[in-house]
PDB file of N, CA and C in Angstrom:
ATOM      1  N   MET A   1     -59.106  66.086  33.994  1.00  0.00           N
ATOM      2  CA  MET A   1     -60.047  65.134  33.448  1.00  0.00           C
ATOM      3  C   MET A   1     -61.248  65.062  34.379  1.00  0.00           C
ATOM      4  N   ALA A   2     -62.422  65.149  33.818  1.00  0.00           N
ATOM      5  CA  ALA A   2     -63.656  65.074  34.590  1.00  0.00           C
ATOM      6  C   ALA A   2     -63.879  63.654  35.090  1.00  0.00           C
ATOM      7  N   ALA A   3     -64.452  63.556  36.283  1.00  0.00           N
ATOM      8  CA  ALA A   3     -64.677  62.237  36.886  1.00  0.00           C
ATOM      9  C   ALA A   3     -65.568  61.364  36.015  1.00  0.00           C
ATOM     10  N   GLY A   4     -66.488  61.942  35.258  1.00  0.00           N
ATOM     11  CA  GLY A   4     -67.377  61.177  34.406  1.00  0.00           C
ATOM     12  C   GLY A   4     -66.661  60.416  33.306  1.00  0.00           C
ATOM     13  N   LEU A   5     -65.454  60.851  32.961  1.00  0.00           N
ATOM     14  CA  LEU A   5     -64.684  60.156  31.927  1.00  0.00           C
ATOM     15  C   LEU A   5     -64.018  58.893  32.465  1.00  0.00           C
ATOM     16  N   LEU A   6     -63.949  58.759  33.772  1.00  0.00           N
ATOM     17  CA  LEU A   6     -63.399  57.558  34.403  1.00  0.00           C
ATOM     18  C   LEU A   6     -64.577  56.660  34.782  1.00  0.00           C
ATOM     19  N   SER A   7     -65.207  56.080  33.777  1.00  0.00           N
ATOM     20  CA  SER A   7     -66.485  55.393  33.989  1.00  0.00           C
ATOM     21  C   SER A   7     -66.404  53.869  33.973  1.00  0.00           C
ATOM     22  N   LYS A   8     -65.215  53.324  33.793  1.00  0.00           N
ATOM     23  CA  LYS A   8     -65.071  51.863  33.756  1.00  0.00           C
ATOM     24  C   LYS A   8     -64.335  51.383  34.994  1.00  0.00           C
ATOM     25  N   ARG A   9     -64.860  50.331  35.584  1.00  0.00           N
ATOM     26  CA  ARG A   9     -64.150  49.712  36.706  1.00  0.00           C
ATOM     27  C   ARG A   9     -63.085  48.802  36.099  1.00  0.00           C
ATOM     28  N   VAL A  10     -61.841  49.006  36.469  1.00  0.00           N
ATOM     29  CA  VAL A  10     -60.744  48.213  35.925  1.00  0.00           C
ATOM     30  C   VAL A  10     -60.034  47.498  37.061  1.00  0.00           C
ATOM     31  N   LEU A  11     -59.510  46.328  36.769  1.00  0.00           N
ATOM     32  CA  LEU A  11     -58.868  45.494  37.775  1.00  0.00           C
ATOM     33  C   LEU A  11     -57.461  45.139  37.325  1.00  0.00           C
ATOM     34  N   PHE A  12     -56.474  45.574  38.081  1.00  0.00           N
ATOM     35  CA  PHE A  12     -55.089  45.245  37.788  1.00  0.00           C
ATOM     36  C   PHE A  12     -54.740  43.943  38.496  1.00  0.00           C
ATOM     37  N   GLN A  13     -54.026  43.077  37.790  1.00  0.00           N
ATOM     38  CA  GLN A  13     -53.654  41.774  38.327  1.00  0.00           C
ATOM     39  C   GLN A  13     -52.153  41.560  38.137  1.00  0.00           C
ATOM     40  N   ARG A  14     -51.585  40.744  39.030  1.00  0.00           N
ATOM     41  CA  ARG A  14     -50.179  40.380  38.892  1.00  0.00           C
ATOM     42  C   ARG A  14     -50.079  38.871  38.725  1.00  0.00           C
ATOM     43  N   GLU A  15     -49.035  38.461  38.041  1.00  0.00           N
ATOM     44  CA  GLU A  15     -48.799  37.054  37.771  1.00  0.00           C
ATOM     45  C   GLU A  15     -48.264  36.364  39.021  1.00  0.00           C
ATOM     46  N   HIS A  16     -48.732  35.148  39.241  1.00  0.00           N
ATOM     47  CA  HIS A  16     -48.281  34.381  40.398  1.00  0.00           C
ATOM     48  C   HIS A  16     -48.120  32.925  39.962  1.00  0.00           C
ATOM     49  N   HIS A  17     -47.000  32.312  40.321  1.00  0.00           N
ATOM     50  CA  HIS A  17     -46.756  30.906  39.996  1.00  0.00           C
ATOM     51  C   HIS A  17     -47.051  30.048  41.223  1.00  0.00           C
ATOM     52  N   VAL A  18     -47.923  29.085  41.048  1.00  0.00           N
ATOM     53  CA  VAL A  18     -48.322  28.190  42.127  1.00  0.00           C
ATOM     54  C   VAL A  18     -47.764  26.799  41.820  1.00  0.00           C
ATOM     55  N   PRO A  19     -47.013  26.193  42.755  1.00  0.00           N
ATOM     56  CA  PRO A  19     -46.482  24.849  42.514  1.00  0.00           C
ATOM     57  C   PRO A  19     -47.607  23.867  42.207  1.00  0.00           C
ATOM     58  N   ASP A  20     -47.351  22.979  41.227  1.00  0.00           N
ATOM     59  CA  ASP A  20     -48.376  22.011  40.847  1.00  0.00           C
ATOM     60  C   ASP A  20     -48.186  20.649  41.510  1.00  0.00           C
ATOM     61  N   GLY A  21     -47.166  20.502  42.384  1.00  0.00           N
ATOM     62  CA  GLY A  21     -46.937  19.257  43.092  1.00  0.00           C
ATOM     63  C   GLY A  21     -46.093  18.258  42.316  1.00  0.00           C
ATOM     64  N   ALA A  22     -45.787  18.559  41.061  1.00  0.00           N
ATOM     65  CA  ALA A  22     -44.993  17.644  40.243  1.00  0.00           C
ATOM     66  C   ALA A  22     -43.684  18.299  39.799  1.00  0.00           C
ATOM     67  N   GLY A  23     -43.293  19.336  40.504  1.00  0.00           N
ATOM     68  CA  GLY A  23     -42.046  20.022  40.175  1.00  0.00           C
ATOM     69  C   GLY A  23     -42.210  21.203  39.250  1.00  0.00           C
ATOM     70  N   GLY A  24     -43.395  21.402  38.752  1.00  0.00           N
ATOM     71  CA  GLY A  24     -43.669  22.542  37.866  1.00  0.00           C
ATOM     72  C   GLY A  24     -44.529  23.566  38.585  1.00  0.00           C
ATOM     73  N   TYR A  25     -45.169  24.400  37.809  1.00  0.00           N
ATOM     74  CA  TYR A  25     -46.048  25.403  38.397  1.00  0.00           C
ATOM     75  C   TYR A  25     -47.203  25.708  37.446  1.00  0.00           C
ATOM     76  N   VAL A  26     -48.215  26.308  38.023  1.00  0.00           N
ATOM     77  CA  VAL A  26     -49.390  26.750  37.277  1.00  0.00           C
ATOM     78  C   VAL A  26     -49.447  28.267  37.399  1.00  0.00           C
ATOM     79  N   LEU A  27     -49.687  28.943  36.294  1.00  0.00           N
ATOM     80  CA  LEU A  27     -49.786  30.396  36.290  1.00  0.00           C
ATOM     81  C   LEU A  27     -51.174  30.827  36.746  1.00  0.00           C
ATOM     82  N   GLN A  28     -51.214  31.738  37.715  1.00  0.00           N
ATOM     83  CA  GLN A  28     -52.474  32.323  38.169  1.00  0.00           C
ATOM     84  C   GLN A  28     -52.307  33.832  38.193  1.00  0.00           C
ATOM     85  N   TRP A  29     -53.409  34.541  38.008  1.00  0.00           N
ATOM     86  CA  TRP A  29     -53.402  35.997  38.105  1.00  0.00           C
ATOM     87  C   TRP A  29     -54.089  36.384  39.411  1.00  0.00           C
ATOM     88  N   ILE A  30     -53.399  37.179  40.227  1.00  0.00           N
ATOM     89  CA  ILE A  30     -53.893  37.589  41.533  1.00  0.00           C
ATOM     90  C   ILE A  30     -54.369  39.041  41.442  1.00  0.00           C
ATOM     91  N   ASN A  31     -55.587  39.295  41.906  1.00  0.00           N
ATOM     92  CA  ASN A  31     -56.113  40.660  41.907  1.00  0.00           C
ATOM     93  C   ASN A  31     -55.275  41.542  42.816  1.00  0.00           C
ATOM     94  N   GLN A  32     -54.910  42.734  42.319  1.00  0.00           N
ATOM     95  CA  GLN A  32     -54.078  43.619  43.108  1.00  0.00           C
ATOM     96  C   GLN A  32     -54.714  44.974  43.372  1.00  0.00           C
ATOM     97  N   LEU A  33     -55.378  45.567  42.372  1.00  0.00           N
ATOM     98  CA  LEU A  33     -55.912  46.915  42.543  1.00  0.00           C
ATOM     99  C   LEU A  33     -57.119  47.101  41.641  1.00  0.00           C
ATOM    100  N   SER A  34     -58.213  47.590  42.218  1.00  0.00           N
ATOM    101  CA  SER A  34     -59.417  47.889  41.452  1.00  0.00           C
ATOM    102  C   SER A  34     -59.692  49.385  41.562  1.00  0.00           C
ATOM    103  N   VAL A  35     -59.794  50.059  40.413  1.00  0.00           N
ATOM    104  CA  VAL A  35     -59.999  51.509  40.380  1.00  0.00           C
ATOM    105  C   VAL A  35     -60.918  51.860  39.218  1.00  0.00           C
ATOM    106  N   TRP A  36     -61.340  53.132  39.172  1.00  0.00           N
ATOM    107  CA  TRP A  36     -62.113  53.644  38.051  1.00  0.00           C
ATOM    108  C   TRP A  36     -61.142  54.177  37.004  1.00  0.00           C
ATOM    109  N   GLY A  37     -61.445  53.919  35.741  1.00  0.00           N
ATOM    110  CA  GLY A  37     -60.579  54.373  34.669  1.00  0.00           C
ATOM    111  C   GLY A  37     -61.364  54.734  33.423  1.00  0.00           C
ATOM    112  N   GLY A  38     -60.680  55.369  32.499  1.00  0.00           N
ATOM    113  CA  GLY A  38     -61.250  55.721  31.206  1.00  0.00           C
ATOM    114  C   GLY A  38     -60.397  55.116  30.107  1.00  0.00           C
ATOM    115  N   LEU A  39     -61.021  54.442  29.157  1.00  0.00           N
ATOM    116  CA  LEU A  39     -60.303  53.765  28.084  1.00  0.00           C
ATOM    117  C   LEU A  39     -60.612  54.435  26.758  1.00  0.00           C
ATOM    118  N   SER A  40     -59.568  54.772  26.044  1.00  0.00           N
ATOM    119  CA  SER A  40     -59.682  55.321  24.694  1.00  0.00           C
ATOM    120  C   SER A  40     -59.043  54.314  23.743  1.00  0.00           C
ATOM    121  N   ILE A  41     -59.872  53.669  22.930  1.00  0.00           N
ATOM    122  CA  ILE A  41     -59.389  52.642  22.004  1.00  0.00           C
ATOM    123  C   ILE A  41     -58.858  53.312  20.739  1.00  0.00           C
ATOM    124  N   GLN A  42     -57.708  52.860  20.299  1.00  0.00           N
ATOM    125  CA  GLN A  42     -57.130  53.325  19.038  1.00  0.00           C
ATOM    126  C   GLN A  42     -57.606  52.391  17.932  1.00  0.00           C
ATOM    127  N   ARG A  43     -57.213  52.643  16.743  1.00  0.00           N
ATOM    128  CA  ARG A  43     -57.589  51.762  15.631  1.00  0.00           C
ATOM    129  C   ARG A  43     -56.903  50.411  15.800  1.00  0.00           C
ATOM    130  N   GLY A  44     -57.642  49.358  15.606  1.00  0.00           N
ATOM    131  CA  GLY A  44     -57.069  48.013  15.655  1.00  0.00           C
ATOM    132  C   GLY A  44     -56.194  47.762  14.432  1.00  0.00           C
ATOM    133  N   ARG A  45     -55.339  46.781  14.536  1.00  0.00           N
ATOM    134  CA  ARG A  45     -54.488  46.432  13.398  1.00  0.00           C
ATOM    135  C   ARG A  45     -54.282  44.923  13.388  1.00  0.00           C
ATOM    136  N   GLU A  46     -54.002  44.432  12.203  1.00  0.00           N
ATOM    137  CA  GLU A  46     -53.703  43.017  12.062  1.00  0.00           C
ATOM    138  C   GLU A  46     -52.246  42.873  11.678  1.00  0.00           C
ATOM    139  N   ARG A  47     -51.643  41.793  12.129  1.00  0.00           N
ATOM    140  CA  ARG A  47     -50.229  41.573  11.889  1.00  0.00           C
ATOM    141  C   ARG A  47     -50.023  40.112  11.525  1.00  0.00           C
ATOM    142  N   LEU A  48     -49.130  39.890  10.585  1.00  0.00           N
ATOM    143  CA  LEU A  48     -48.776  38.529  10.203  1.00  0.00           C
ATOM    144  C   LEU A  48     -47.427  38.217  10.824  1.00  0.00           C
ATOM    145  N   ALA A  49     -47.417  37.248  11.740  1.00  0.00           N
ATOM    146  CA  ALA A  49     -46.179  36.856  12.408  1.00  0.00           C
ATOM    147  C   ALA A  49     -46.135  35.344  12.478  1.00  0.00           C
ATOM    148  N   ALA A  50     -45.006  34.777  12.103  1.00  0.00           N
ATOM    149  CA  ALA A  50     -44.802  33.328  12.135  1.00  0.00           C
ATOM    150  C   ALA A  50     -45.900  32.603  11.363  1.00  0.00           C
ATOM    151  N   GLY A  51     -46.345  33.215  10.278  1.00  0.00           N
ATOM    152  CA  GLY A  51     -47.337  32.577   9.428  1.00  0.00           C
ATOM    153  C   GLY A  51     -48.753  32.613   9.978  1.00  0.00           C
ATOM    154  N   GLN A  52     -48.980  33.342  11.076  1.00  0.00           N
ATOM    155  CA  GLN A  52     -50.312  33.423  11.657  1.00  0.00           C
ATOM    156  C   GLN A  52     -50.756  34.873  11.737  1.00  0.00           C
ATOM    157  N   LEU A  53     -52.014  35.102  11.445  1.00  0.00           N
ATOM    158  CA  LEU A  53     -52.589  36.431  11.511  1.00  0.00           C
ATOM    159  C   LEU A  53     -53.059  36.694  12.932  1.00  0.00           C
ATOM    160  N   SER A  54     -52.616  37.813  13.508  1.00  0.00           N
ATOM    161  CA  SER A  54     -53.075  38.166  14.844  1.00  0.00           C
ATOM    162  C   SER A  54     -53.701  39.555  14.799  1.00  0.00           C
ATOM    163  N   SER A  55     -54.697  39.771  15.633  1.00  0.00           N
ATOM    164  CA  SER A  55     -55.393  41.048  15.692  1.00  0.00           C
ATOM    165  C   SER A  55     -55.051  41.730  17.009  1.00  0.00           C
ATOM    166  N   GLU A  56     -54.603  42.971  16.934  1.00  0.00           N
ATOM    167  CA  GLU A  56     -54.224  43.718  18.125  1.00  0.00           C
ATOM    168  C   GLU A  56     -55.099  44.955  18.234  1.00  0.00           C
ATOM    169  N   VAL A  57     -55.546  45.261  19.446  1.00  0.00           N
ATOM    170  CA  VAL A  57     -56.359  46.445  19.684  1.00  0.00           C
ATOM    171  C   VAL A  57     -55.684  47.268  20.776  1.00  0.00           C
ATOM    172  N   PRO A  58     -54.943  48.318  20.386  1.00  0.00           N
ATOM    173  CA  PRO A  58     -54.277  49.157  21.387  1.00  0.00           C
ATOM    174  C   PRO A  58     -55.210  50.240  21.914  1.00  0.00           C
ATOM    175  N   GLY A  59     -54.875  50.741  23.090  1.00  0.00           N
ATOM    176  CA  GLY A  59     -55.655  51.817  23.686  1.00  0.00           C
ATOM    177  C   GLY A  59     -54.864  52.522  24.766  1.00  0.00           C
ATOM    178  N   VAL A  60     -55.457  53.598  25.277  1.00  0.00           N
ATOM    179  CA  VAL A  60     -54.859  54.347  26.377  1.00  0.00           C
ATOM    180  C   VAL A  60     -55.854  54.317  27.536  1.00  0.00           C
ATOM    181  N   LEU A  61     -55.408  53.790  28.662  1.00  0.00           N
ATOM    182  CA  LEU A  61     -56.204  53.727  29.878  1.00  0.00           C
ATOM    183  C   LEU A  61     -55.712  54.818  30.818  1.00  0.00           C
ATOM    184  N   THR A  62     -56.625  55.635  31.323  1.00  0.00           N
ATOM    185  CA  THR A  62     -56.284  56.701  32.262  1.00  0.00           C
ATOM    186  C   THR A  62     -56.937  56.415  33.603  1.00  0.00           C
ATOM    187  N   ILE A  63     -56.145  56.503  34.677  1.00  0.00           N
ATOM    188  CA  ILE A  63     -56.681  56.344  36.038  1.00  0.00           C
ATOM    189  C   ILE A  63     -56.129  57.470  36.908  1.00  0.00           C
ATOM    190  N   ARG A  64     -56.761  57.685  38.048  1.00  0.00           N
ATOM    191  CA  ARG A  64     -56.238  58.660  39.003  1.00  0.00           C
ATOM    192  C   ARG A  64     -54.966  58.114  39.645  1.00  0.00           C
ATOM    193  N   TYR A  65     -54.043  58.997  39.910  1.00  0.00           N
ATOM    194  CA  TYR A  65     -52.790  58.637  40.554  1.00  0.00           C
ATOM    195  C   TYR A  65     -53.057  58.238  42.001  1.00  0.00           C
ATOM    196  N   SER A  66     -52.387  57.217  42.462  1.00  0.00           N
ATOM    197  CA  SER A  66     -52.378  56.839  43.877  1.00  0.00           C
ATOM    198  C   SER A  66     -51.050  56.148  44.148  1.00  0.00           C
ATOM    199  N   ARG A  67     -50.702  56.015  45.398  1.00  0.00           N
ATOM    200  CA  ARG A  67     -49.457  55.339  45.742  1.00  0.00           C
ATOM    201  C   ARG A  67     -49.476  53.892  45.245  1.00  0.00           C
ATOM    202  N   ASP A  68     -50.623  53.223  45.397  1.00  0.00           N
ATOM    203  CA  ASP A  68     -50.741  51.843  44.915  1.00  0.00           C
ATOM    204  C   ASP A  68     -50.615  51.776  43.393  1.00  0.00           C
ATOM    205  N   ALA A  69     -51.251  52.701  42.696  1.00  0.00           N
ATOM    206  CA  ALA A  69     -51.190  52.704  41.229  1.00  0.00           C
ATOM    207  C   ALA A  69     -49.786  53.005  40.742  1.00  0.00           C
ATOM    208  N   ALA A  70     -49.039  53.809  41.464  1.00  0.00           N
ATOM    209  CA  ALA A  70     -47.673  54.154  41.068  1.00  0.00           C
ATOM    210  C   ALA A  70     -46.748  52.941  41.127  1.00  0.00           C
ATOM    211  N   ASN A  71     -47.150  51.895  41.850  1.00  0.00           N
ATOM    212  CA  ASN A  71     -46.337  50.682  41.961  1.00  0.00           C
ATOM    213  C   ASN A  71     -46.638  49.659  40.867  1.00  0.00           C
ATOM    214  N   LEU A  72     -47.599  49.945  39.990  1.00  0.00           N
ATOM    215  CA  LEU A  72     -47.916  49.024  38.896  1.00  0.00           C
ATOM    216  C   LEU A  72     -46.808  49.067  37.849  1.00  0.00           C
ATOM    217  N   THR A  73     -46.581  47.922  37.192  1.00  0.00           N
ATOM    218  CA  THR A  73     -45.528  47.823  36.178  1.00  0.00           C
ATOM    219  C   THR A  73     -46.087  47.162  34.918  1.00  0.00           C
ATOM    220  N   THR A  74     -45.253  47.052  33.912  1.00  0.00           N
ATOM    221  CA  THR A  74     -45.665  46.362  32.690  1.00  0.00           C
ATOM    222  C   THR A  74     -45.753  44.849  32.900  1.00  0.00           C
ATOM    223  N   GLY A  75     -45.349  44.364  34.061  1.00  0.00           N
ATOM    224  CA  GLY A  75     -45.516  42.954  34.403  1.00  0.00           C
ATOM    225  C   GLY A  75     -46.924  42.625  34.864  1.00  0.00           C
ATOM    226  N   HIS A  76     -47.722  43.639  35.142  1.00  0.00           N
ATOM    227  CA  HIS A  76     -49.123  43.444  35.504  1.00  0.00           C
ATOM    228  C   HIS A  76     -49.954  43.357  34.224  1.00  0.00           C
ATOM    229  N   ARG A  77     -51.208  42.965  34.386  1.00  0.00           N
ATOM    230  CA  ARG A  77     -52.183  43.086  33.313  1.00  0.00           C
ATOM    231  C   ARG A  77     -53.399  43.778  33.899  1.00  0.00           C
ATOM    232  N   VAL A  78     -54.301  44.212  33.036  1.00  0.00           N
ATOM    233  CA  VAL A  78     -55.505  44.895  33.501  1.00  0.00           C
ATOM    234  C   VAL A  78     -56.723  44.273  32.821  1.00  0.00           C
ATOM    235  N   LEU A  79     -57.760  44.035  33.601  1.00  0.00           N
ATOM    236  CA  LEU A  79     -59.037  43.551  33.072  1.00  0.00           C
ATOM    237  C   LEU A  79     -59.963  44.748  32.920  1.00  0.00           C
ATOM    238  N   ILE A  80     -60.445  44.945  31.698  1.00  0.00           N
ATOM    239  CA  ILE A  80     -61.394  46.011  31.400  1.00  0.00           C
ATOM    240  C   ILE A  80     -62.607  45.343  30.778  1.00  0.00           C
ATOM    241  N   ASP A  81     -63.753  45.449  31.418  1.00  0.00           N
ATOM    242  CA  ASP A  81     -64.962  44.733  30.982  1.00  0.00           C
ATOM    243  C   ASP A  81     -64.679  43.235  30.867  1.00  0.00           C
ATOM    244  N   ASP A  82     -63.923  42.691  31.824  1.00  0.00           N
ATOM    245  CA  ASP A  82     -63.557  41.273  31.894  1.00  0.00           C
ATOM    246  C   ASP A  82     -62.686  40.807  30.725  1.00  0.00           C
ATOM    247  N   VAL A  83     -62.083  41.725  30.000  1.00  0.00           N
ATOM    248  CA  VAL A  83     -61.177  41.396  28.895  1.00  0.00           C
ATOM    249  C   VAL A  83     -59.758  41.749  29.335  1.00  0.00           C
ATOM    250  N   PRO A  84     -58.806  40.801  29.238  1.00  0.00           N
ATOM    251  CA  PRO A  84     -57.435  41.103  29.652  1.00  0.00           C
ATOM    252  C   PRO A  84     -56.690  41.961  28.626  1.00  0.00           C
ATOM    253  N   TYR A  85     -55.972  42.945  29.135  1.00  0.00           N
ATOM    254  CA  TYR A  85     -55.120  43.803  28.322  1.00  0.00           C
ATOM    255  C   TYR A  85     -53.707  43.738  28.882  1.00  0.00           C
ATOM    256  N   GLN A  86     -52.730  43.635  27.994  1.00  0.00           N
ATOM    257  CA  GLN A  86     -51.322  43.687  28.372  1.00  0.00           C
ATOM    258  C   GLN A  86     -50.929  45.156  28.519  1.00  0.00           C
ATOM    259  N   ILE A  87     -50.197  45.490  29.573  1.00  0.00           N
ATOM    260  CA  ILE A  87     -49.710  46.853  29.766  1.00  0.00           C
ATOM    261  C   ILE A  87     -48.381  46.976  29.031  1.00  0.00           C
ATOM    262  N   ARG A  88     -48.292  47.892  28.078  1.00  0.00           N
ATOM    263  CA  ARG A  88     -47.089  48.085  27.276  1.00  0.00           C
ATOM    264  C   ARG A  88     -46.217  49.223  27.809  1.00  0.00           C
ATOM    265  N   ALA A  89     -46.826  50.266  28.372  1.00  0.00           N
ATOM    266  CA  ALA A  89     -46.068  51.413  28.896  1.00  0.00           C
ATOM    267  C   ALA A  89     -46.934  52.163  29.897  1.00  0.00           C
ATOM    268  N   ILE A  90     -46.273  52.855  30.828  1.00  0.00           N
ATOM    269  CA  ILE A  90     -46.962  53.629  31.862  1.00  0.00           C
ATOM    270  C   ILE A  90     -46.325  55.009  31.908  1.00  0.00           C
ATOM    271  N   SER A  91     -47.164  56.048  31.982  1.00  0.00           N
ATOM    272  CA  SER A  91     -46.610  57.397  32.086  1.00  0.00           C
ATOM    273  C   SER A  91     -47.425  58.248  33.049  1.00  0.00           C
ATOM    274  N   ASN A  92     -46.769  59.249  33.595  1.00  0.00           N
ATOM    275  CA  ASN A  92     -47.370  60.269  34.437  1.00  0.00           C
ATOM    276  C   ASN A  92     -47.325  61.537  33.572  1.00  0.00           C
ATOM    277  N   PRO A  93     -48.367  61.754  32.733  1.00  0.00           N
ATOM    278  CA  PRO A  93     -48.256  62.688  31.612  1.00  0.00           C
ATOM    279  C   PRO A  93     -47.836  64.115  31.969  1.00  0.00           C
ATOM    280  N   ASP A  94     -48.342  64.686  33.020  1.00  0.00           N
ATOM    281  CA  ASP A  94     -47.962  66.072  33.332  1.00  0.00           C
ATOM    282  C   ASP A  94     -47.028  66.157  34.543  1.00  0.00           C
ATOM    283  N   GLN A  95     -46.548  65.018  35.013  1.00  0.00           N
ATOM    284  CA  GLN A  95     -45.614  64.937  36.152  1.00  0.00           C
ATOM    285  C   GLN A  95     -46.151  65.585  37.427  1.00  0.00           C
ATOM    286  N   SER A  96     -47.477  65.691  37.529  1.00  0.00           N
ATOM    287  CA  SER A  96     -48.076  66.306  38.718  1.00  0.00           C
ATOM    288  C   SER A  96     -48.745  65.283  39.631  1.00  0.00           C
ATOM    289  N   ASN A  97     -48.608  64.003  39.311  1.00  0.00           N
ATOM    290  CA  ASN A  97     -49.189  62.922  40.109  1.00  0.00           C
ATOM    291  C   ASN A  97     -50.702  63.061  40.274  1.00  0.00           C
ATOM    292  N   ARG A  98     -51.358  63.476  39.194  1.00  0.00           N
ATOM    293  CA  ARG A  98     -52.828  63.519  39.220  1.00  0.00           C
ATOM    294  C   ARG A  98     -53.416  62.310  38.509  1.00  0.00           C
ATOM    295  N   TYR A  99     -52.816  61.923  37.386  1.00  0.00           N
ATOM    296  CA  TYR A  99     -53.300  60.801  36.587  1.00  0.00           C
ATOM    297  C   TYR A  99     -52.130  59.959  36.115  1.00  0.00           C
ATOM    298  N   LEU A 100     -52.417  58.699  35.830  1.00  0.00           N
ATOM    299  CA  LEU A 100     -51.463  57.818  35.163  1.00  0.00           C
ATOM    300  C   LEU A 100     -52.103  57.352  33.865  1.00  0.00           C
ATOM    301  N   GLU A 101     -51.294  57.250  32.815  1.00  0.00           N
ATOM    302  CA  GLU A 101     -51.759  56.722  31.544  1.00  0.00           C
ATOM    303  C   GLU A 101     -51.027  55.424  31.243  1.00  0.00           C
ATOM    304  N   PHE A 102     -51.797  54.436  30.821  1.00  0.00           N
ATOM    305  CA  PHE A 102     -51.269  53.119  30.490  1.00  0.00           C
ATOM    306  C   PHE A 102     -51.534  52.861  29.012  1.00  0.00           C
ATOM    307  N   ILE A 103     -50.495  52.545  28.271  1.00  0.00           N
ATOM    308  CA  ILE A 103     -50.674  52.066  26.904  1.00  0.00           C
ATOM    309  C   ILE A 103     -50.956  50.578  27.048  1.00  0.00           C
ATOM    310  N   VAL A 104     -52.149  50.155  26.618  1.00  0.00           N
ATOM    311  CA  VAL A 104     -52.575  48.771  26.787  1.00  0.00           C
ATOM    312  C   VAL A 104     -52.884  48.171  25.414  1.00  0.00           C
ATOM    313  N   GLU A 105     -52.875  46.842  25.374  1.00  0.00           N
ATOM    314  CA  GLU A 105     -53.126  46.158  24.121  1.00  0.00           C
ATOM    315  C   GLU A 105     -53.908  44.868  24.372  1.00  0.00           C
ATOM    316  N   ARG A 106     -54.987  44.711  23.635  1.00  0.00           N
ATOM    317  CA  ARG A 106     -55.807  43.501  23.698  1.00  0.00           C
ATOM    318  C   ARG A 106     -55.536  42.668  22.459  1.00  0.00           C
ATOM    319  N   GLY A 107     -55.603  41.367  22.594  1.00  0.00           N
ATOM    320  CA  GLY A 107     -55.467  40.510  21.421  1.00  0.00           C
ATOM    321  C   GLY A 107     -54.049  40.048  21.178  1.00  0.00           C
ATOM    322  N   VAL A 108     -53.205  40.116  22.199  1.00  0.00           N
ATOM    323  CA  VAL A 108     -51.832  39.637  22.080  1.00  0.00           C
ATOM    324  C   VAL A 108     -51.577  38.623  23.168  1.00  0.00           C
ATOM    325  N   ALA A 109     -50.561  37.831  22.998  1.00  0.00           N
ATOM    326  CA  ALA A 109     -50.201  36.845  24.024  1.00  0.00           C
ATOM    327  C   ALA A 109     -49.782  37.559  25.281  1.00  0.00           C
ATOM    328  N   ILE A 110     -50.244  37.045  26.415  1.00  0.00           N
ATOM    329  CA  ILE A 110     -49.941  37.681  27.702  1.00  0.00           C
ATOM    330  C   ILE A 110     -48.888  36.919  28.439  1.00  0.00           C
TER     331      ILE A 110
END
């Protein structure tokens, strides 16, 4: 993959629970890794669930392989153009540790 195709700055975040002082917690997202990536958006789809219409926009995010990137999981999320995407799956497509591909989805509960 040519470097020019990795033209978006993407930010991976992990979930963190912060005590709220009343026995509960507040959910915060902590920045973990910022890298260059390329996003290929698939066709969006609408789904009717529990009587509500939801819009989902899936895509494939490609980034260069690194030791830090290899530690990312589906428990992380990624911000692309300041829009949060849920990570659905992660693969090392050619098993050569050159790139990682993330199946991501926008428009779903995180």
